Amino acid sequence: MERVVIEEVEKTFPNKEKDGSFTVFKDISLTVNPGEFVSLLGPSGCGKSTLLNIVAGLDQSSAGEVKVGDKKIKGPGSDRGVVFQEAALMPWLNVLENVTFALRKKMKKEEAKKHAEKYLKLVHLSKFMHSYPHELSGGMKQRVSIARALSMDPAVLLMDEPFGALDEQTRMMLHREVQFIWQETQKTILFVTHNIRESILLSDRIVLMGTRPGGIRKIFTVDLPRPRKPSSPEFIKLEEEIMSILAGEIEKVMKEEMGDDFNSKKASLLYGTDRNMGNHI
């Protein structure tokens, strides 16, 4: 387990149309404690995935710095495992081979096989080790992706909307899986989501990010016993509190994109009952 420290991070991109720069977010400072599960939540365009990519070392910040433990992040590293929205499995390799592919660079073949089997058992895929990606469901592919990331034994697990493309029933099943894996491995997890309910179910803390230029609007500590029940009064109260803050942020995004076509009454219909702020944006 390692601590992730984000210090005054800013990200800008060139804006060729306006001959200047475009600021995605600025002044982001956040500490994720060892073994903590923290979710980044916010409307589309606020920079959640960009921030995660900077922590992963897949992108560079324009200002500020990120540390894992005492090490300043300068690029990708084995201390950080990443799980993306798409599983990105190699279709010509079976499940076991997909997990052992990277391990063979630092382990002998038989050792890598045993190591991979350990994590495939953890995600309940032991019976599918010799199956190929096209033979798996979407949820199973994501579990392979999680096993592959965990097999490298990273200090920090970074998850970028890993369940965003899945149906609701599969998503609910994987919520239980991820909580079990987190409790078993005690990994530090930074998790990106559009879904308020998902963030409350999984997180120790929820970091609410605002619209561009993005920043941290508020950090919530989720002090609810696990497993959490979405029907409980405490859960619903927190869900409504988060939505009340972000409703205005979502409308800002829509107004910017739609201009004169923006209608606040129509906009209110886009907030799904599942509290998924990615819908229709």
Protein backbone atom coordinates (compact mmCIF):
# COMPACT_ATOMS: atom_id res chain seq x y z
CA MET A 1 0.00 0.00 0.00
CA GLU A 2 1.21 3.48 -0.85
CA ARG A 3 -0.05 7.02 -0.43
CA VAL A 4 -0.90 9.03 -3.56
CA VAL A 5 -0.20 12.76 -3.24
CA ILE A 6 -1.48 15.18 -5.89
CA GLU A 7 -0.08 18.68 -5.35
CA GLU A 8 -1.48 21.75 -7.15
CA VAL A 9 -1.82 19.90 -10.45
CA GLU A 10 -2.97 21.75 -13.55
CA LYS A 11 -3.59 20.54 -17.10
CA THR A 12 -3.87 22.74 -20.17
CA PHE A 13 -4.04 21.95 -23.88
CA PRO A 14 -3.27 24.19 -26.85
CA ASN A 15 -6.32 25.87 -28.36
CA LYS A 16 -5.52 26.43 -32.02
CA GLU A 17 -8.84 28.13 -32.78
CA LYS A 18 -8.31 30.86 -30.20
CA ASP A 19 -4.50 30.94 -30.46
CA GLY A 20 -4.09 30.21 -26.79
CA SER A 21 -4.57 27.37 -24.31
CA PHE A 22 -7.48 25.45 -22.88
CA THR A 23 -7.44 24.67 -19.14
CA VAL A 24 -9.05 21.37 -18.19
CA PHE A 25 -8.46 21.79 -14.45
CA LYS A 26 -6.18 23.68 -12.10
CA ASP A 27 -5.06 23.70 -8.47
CA ILE A 28 -5.97 20.05 -7.83
CA SER A 29 -4.55 18.92 -4.49
CA LEU A 30 -5.54 15.58 -3.01
CA THR A 31 -4.04 12.87 -0.82
CA VAL A 32 -5.25 9.28 -1.14
CA ASN A 33 -4.16 7.41 1.97
CA PRO A 34 -2.70 3.87 1.90
CA GLY A 35 -5.47 1.29 1.49
CA GLU A 36 -8.13 3.93 0.85
CA PHE A 37 -10.82 3.71 -1.85
CA VAL A 38 -11.39 7.18 -3.36
CA SER A 39 -13.71 8.01 -6.25
CA LEU A 40 -13.42 10.96 -8.63
CA LEU A 41 -16.94 12.04 -9.54
CA GLY A 42 -18.12 14.83 -11.81
CA PRO A 43 -19.74 15.82 -15.11
CA SER A 44 -18.23 15.05 -18.49
CA GLY A 45 -15.30 17.28 -19.36
CA CYS A 46 -14.24 18.09 -15.80
CA GLY A 47 -10.97 16.16 -16.20
CA LYS A 48 -11.49 13.03 -14.09
CA SER A 49 -9.91 10.64 -16.59
CA THR A 50 -7.18 13.15 -17.45
CA LEU A 51 -6.23 13.39 -13.78
CA LEU A 52 -6.19 9.59 -13.50
CA ASN A 53 -3.95 9.37 -16.57
CA ILE A 54 -1.53 11.83 -14.97
CA VAL A 55 -1.38 9.65 -11.85
CA ALA A 56 -0.86 6.62 -14.11
CA GLY A 57 2.00 8.40 -15.87
CA LEU A 58 0.20 8.16 -19.22
CA ASP A 59 -0.07 11.95 -19.42
CA GLN A 60 1.93 14.85 -18.03
CA SER A 61 0.61 17.70 -15.91
CA SER A 62 1.18 21.29 -17.02
CA ALA A 63 1.95 22.31 -13.45
CA GLY A 64 2.24 20.67 -10.03
CA GLU A 65 3.33 17.12 -9.30
CA VAL A 66 2.09 13.67 -8.32
CA LYS A 67 3.84 11.27 -5.95
CA VAL A 68 3.24 7.63 -5.10
CA GLY A 69 4.92 7.18 -1.76
CA ASP A 70 8.08 9.30 -1.98
CA LYS A 71 8.48 8.80 -5.72
CA LYS A 72 7.58 11.59 -8.14
CA ILE A 73 5.63 10.29 -11.14
CA LYS A 74 7.42 10.81 -14.45
CA GLY A 75 5.84 8.02 -16.48
CA PRO A 76 4.13 4.62 -16.24
CA GLY A 77 5.40 2.23 -13.59
CA SER A 78 4.75 -1.19 -12.07
CA ASP A 79 3.70 0.49 -8.82
CA ARG A 80 0.44 1.53 -10.55
CA GLY A 81 -2.00 -0.85 -12.19
CA VAL A 82 -4.62 0.58 -14.56
CA VAL A 83 -8.06 -0.78 -15.47
CA PHE A 84 -9.81 1.05 -18.32
CA GLN A 85 -13.44 1.13 -19.43
CA GLU A 86 -12.60 -1.34 -22.19
CA ALA A 87 -10.82 -4.52 -21.09
CA ALA A 88 -8.35 -4.32 -24.02
CA LEU A 89 -7.55 -8.04 -23.98
CA MET A 90 -5.45 -9.61 -26.71
CA PRO A 91 -7.95 -11.72 -28.69
CA TRP A 92 -5.38 -14.29 -29.85
CA LEU A 93 -4.47 -15.17 -26.25
CA ASN A 94 -6.64 -17.04 -23.79
CA VAL A 95 -7.49 -15.70 -20.33
CA LEU A 96 -4.44 -17.20 -18.62
CA GLU A 97 -2.10 -16.02 -21.36
CA ASN A 98 -3.53 -12.48 -21.22
CA VAL A 99 -2.67 -12.29 -17.52
CA THR A 100 0.76 -13.94 -17.79
CA PHE A 101 1.88 -11.93 -20.85
CA ALA A 102 3.53 -9.11 -18.89
CA LEU A 103 4.56 -11.35 -15.98
CA ARG A 104 6.95 -13.38 -18.13
CA LYS A 105 9.29 -10.40 -18.32
CA LYS A 106 10.08 -10.75 -14.61
CA MET A 107 9.16 -14.39 -13.83
CA LYS A 108 9.82 -17.81 -15.28
CA LYS A 109 6.95 -19.29 -17.27
CA GLU A 110 5.76 -21.71 -14.60
CA GLU A 111 6.02 -19.13 -11.83
CA ALA A 112 4.05 -16.60 -13.91
CA LYS A 113 1.36 -19.23 -14.53
CA LYS A 114 0.91 -19.95 -10.80
CA HIS A 115 0.89 -16.22 -10.03
CA ALA A 116 -1.77 -15.56 -12.67
CA GLU A 117 -3.89 -18.47 -11.46
CA LYS A 118 -3.91 -16.93 -7.97
CA TYR A 119 -5.48 -13.71 -9.23
CA LEU A 120 -7.87 -15.42 -11.63
CA LYS A 121 -9.13 -17.38 -8.64
CA LEU A 122 -9.55 -14.10 -6.76
CA VAL A 123 -11.85 -12.78 -9.51
CA HIS A 124 -13.64 -16.16 -9.78
CA LEU A 125 -12.44 -17.07 -13.26
CA SER A 126 -10.54 -20.28 -12.55
CA LYS A 127 -12.92 -22.28 -14.76
CA PHE A 128 -12.35 -19.95 -17.71
CA MET A 129 -8.54 -19.78 -17.75
CA HIS A 130 -8.35 -21.43 -21.18
CA SER A 131 -11.24 -19.47 -22.74
CA TYR A 132 -10.64 -16.74 -25.30
CA PRO A 133 -11.97 -13.16 -25.00
CA HIS A 134 -14.70 -13.68 -27.61
CA GLU A 135 -16.10 -16.46 -25.42
CA LEU A 136 -16.50 -14.18 -22.38
CA SER A 137 -19.21 -11.78 -21.30
CA GLY A 138 -18.41 -8.08 -20.80
CA GLY A 139 -18.24 -8.51 -17.03
CA MET A 140 -15.90 -11.48 -17.32
CA LYS A 141 -13.58 -9.52 -19.62
CA GLN A 142 -13.37 -6.76 -17.04
CA ARG A 143 -12.56 -9.28 -14.33
CA VAL A 144 -9.70 -10.56 -16.50
CA SER A 145 -8.51 -6.97 -16.84
CA ILE A 146 -8.64 -6.52 -13.06
CA ALA A 147 -6.75 -9.79 -12.51
CA ARG A 148 -4.11 -8.69 -15.04
CA ALA A 149 -3.61 -5.37 -13.23
CA LEU A 150 -3.48 -7.02 -9.79
CA SER A 151 -1.05 -9.72 -10.95
CA MET A 152 1.65 -7.05 -11.27
CA ASP A 153 1.16 -6.41 -7.54
CA PRO A 154 0.86 -2.61 -7.86
CA ALA A 155 0.81 -0.42 -4.79
CA VAL A 156 -2.05 1.57 -6.34
CA LEU A 157 -4.93 0.43 -8.54
CA LEU A 158 -6.32 3.06 -10.93
CA MET A 159 -9.75 2.37 -12.42
CA ASP A 160 -11.21 4.57 -15.18
CA GLU A 161 -14.97 3.95 -15.42
CA PRO A 162 -14.38 0.18 -15.58
CA PHE A 163 -18.12 -0.62 -15.50
CA GLY A 164 -19.39 2.25 -17.66
CA ALA A 165 -20.15 0.06 -20.71
CA LEU A 166 -21.83 -2.76 -18.77
CA ASP A 167 -25.51 -3.45 -18.11
CA GLU A 168 -26.92 -2.70 -14.67
CA GLN A 169 -27.06 -6.31 -13.44
CA THR A 170 -23.43 -6.98 -14.42
CA ARG A 171 -22.38 -3.68 -12.86
CA MET A 172 -24.04 -4.61 -9.56
CA MET A 173 -22.26 -7.97 -9.55
CA LEU A 174 -18.90 -6.33 -10.21
CA HIS A 175 -19.48 -3.82 -7.42
CA ARG A 176 -19.50 -6.76 -5.02
CA GLU A 177 -16.43 -8.26 -6.72
CA VAL A 178 -14.41 -5.05 -6.47
CA GLN A 179 -15.28 -4.56 -2.81
CA PHE A 180 -14.20 -8.14 -2.08
CA ILE A 181 -10.94 -7.69 -4.02
CA TRP A 182 -10.21 -4.38 -2.30
CA GLN A 183 -10.78 -5.90 1.15
CA GLU A 184 -8.66 -8.95 0.30
CA THR A 185 -5.72 -7.08 -1.24
CA GLN A 186 -5.94 -3.81 0.75
CA LYS A 187 -4.84 -1.90 -2.35
CA THR A 188 -5.03 1.87 -2.58
CA ILE A 189 -7.69 2.54 -5.23
CA LEU A 190 -8.44 5.69 -7.22
CA PHE A 191 -11.68 5.17 -9.15
CA VAL A 192 -13.27 7.36 -11.85
CA THR A 193 -17.05 7.25 -12.31
CA HIS A 194 -20.02 9.28 -13.58
CA ASN A 195 -22.36 7.33 -11.32
CA ILE A 196 -23.23 8.83 -7.93
CA ARG A 197 -24.74 5.63 -6.58
CA GLU A 198 -21.69 3.63 -7.63
CA SER A 199 -19.36 6.06 -5.87
CA ILE A 200 -21.33 5.83 -2.61
CA LEU A 201 -21.47 2.03 -2.75
CA LEU A 202 -17.72 1.65 -3.17
CA SER A 203 -15.86 4.61 -1.71
CA ASP A 204 -14.35 5.73 1.56
CA ARG A 205 -14.32 9.26 0.11
CA ILE A 206 -15.87 10.91 -2.94
CA VAL A 207 -14.09 13.81 -4.62
CA LEU A 208 -16.57 16.00 -6.48
CA MET A 209 -15.04 17.85 -9.41
CA GLY A 210 -16.60 20.88 -11.07
CA THR A 211 -16.82 22.03 -14.68
CA ARG A 212 -13.98 23.48 -16.69
CA PRO A 213 -11.68 24.71 -15.68
CA GLY A 214 -12.22 21.83 -13.30
CA GLY A 215 -11.38 21.79 -9.66
CA ILE A 216 -12.45 20.05 -6.47
CA ARG A 217 -15.86 21.30 -5.40
CA LYS A 218 -16.24 19.18 -2.28
CA ILE A 219 -14.92 15.97 -0.69
CA PHE A 220 -17.38 13.66 1.04
CA THR A 221 -16.42 11.03 3.59
CA VAL A 222 -18.78 8.08 3.16
CA ASP A 223 -19.29 6.95 6.73
CA LEU A 224 -21.78 4.17 6.03
CA PRO A 225 -21.41 0.51 7.07
CA ARG A 226 -20.64 -2.06 4.37
CA PRO A 227 -22.32 -3.62 2.51
CA ARG A 228 -24.25 -0.46 1.73
CA LYS A 229 -27.93 -0.36 0.90
CA PRO A 230 -29.07 2.24 -1.69
CA SER A 231 -32.53 2.15 -0.09
CA SER A 232 -31.30 3.28 3.34
CA PRO A 233 -32.23 6.82 4.45
CA GLU A 234 -28.54 7.70 5.00
CA PHE A 235 -27.59 6.55 1.51
CA ILE A 236 -30.43 8.47 -0.11
CA LYS A 237 -29.61 11.62 1.87
CA LEU A 238 -25.99 11.58 0.70
CA GLU A 239 -27.05 10.82 -2.87
CA GLU A 240 -29.40 13.81 -2.92
CA GLU A 241 -26.76 16.08 -1.37
CA ILE A 242 -24.24 15.17 -4.05
CA MET A 243 -26.80 15.59 -6.81
CA SER A 244 -27.84 19.01 -5.51
CA ILE A 245 -24.26 20.26 -5.81
CA LEU A 246 -23.60 18.76 -9.23
CA ALA A 247 -26.93 19.59 -10.88
CA GLY A 248 -25.71 23.14 -11.46
CA GLU A 249 -22.37 21.88 -12.77
CA ILE A 250 -24.11 19.60 -15.28
CA GLU A 251 -26.30 22.45 -16.49
CA LYS A 252 -23.21 24.63 -17.01
CA VAL A 253 -21.75 21.94 -19.28
CA MET A 254 -24.98 21.60 -21.23
CA LYS A 255 -25.45 25.34 -21.55
CA GLU A 256 -21.91 25.70 -22.90
CA GLU A 257 -22.45 22.91 -25.43
CA MET A 258 -26.01 23.80 -26.47
CA GLY A 259 -25.88 27.60 -26.34
CA ASP A 260 -29.23 29.15 -27.20
CA ASP A 261 -30.83 25.70 -27.51
CA PHE A 262 -30.38 25.07 -23.78
CA ASN A 263 -33.59 24.50 -21.82
CA SER A 264 -33.28 23.99 -18.06
CA LYS A 265 -36.59 22.09 -17.85
CA LYS A 266 -35.46 19.62 -20.51
CA ALA A 267 -32.04 19.40 -18.87
CA SER A 268 -33.59 18.22 -15.60
CA LEU A 269 -34.97 15.17 -17.44
CA LEU A 270 -31.46 14.00 -18.29
CA TYR A 271 -30.55 13.16 -14.69
CA GLY A 272 -31.16 9.41 -14.71
CA THR A 273 -32.81 7.63 -11.81
CA ASP A 274 -29.56 5.72 -11.36
CA ARG A 275 -27.81 9.06 -10.76
CA ASN A 276 -25.51 8.47 -13.71
CA MET A 277 -24.30 11.86 -14.83
CA GLY A 278 -22.82 10.47 -18.02
CA ASN A 279 -26.24 9.93 -19.59
CA HIS A 280 -26.81 11.98 -22.75
CA ILE A 281 -23.85 14.29 -22.16
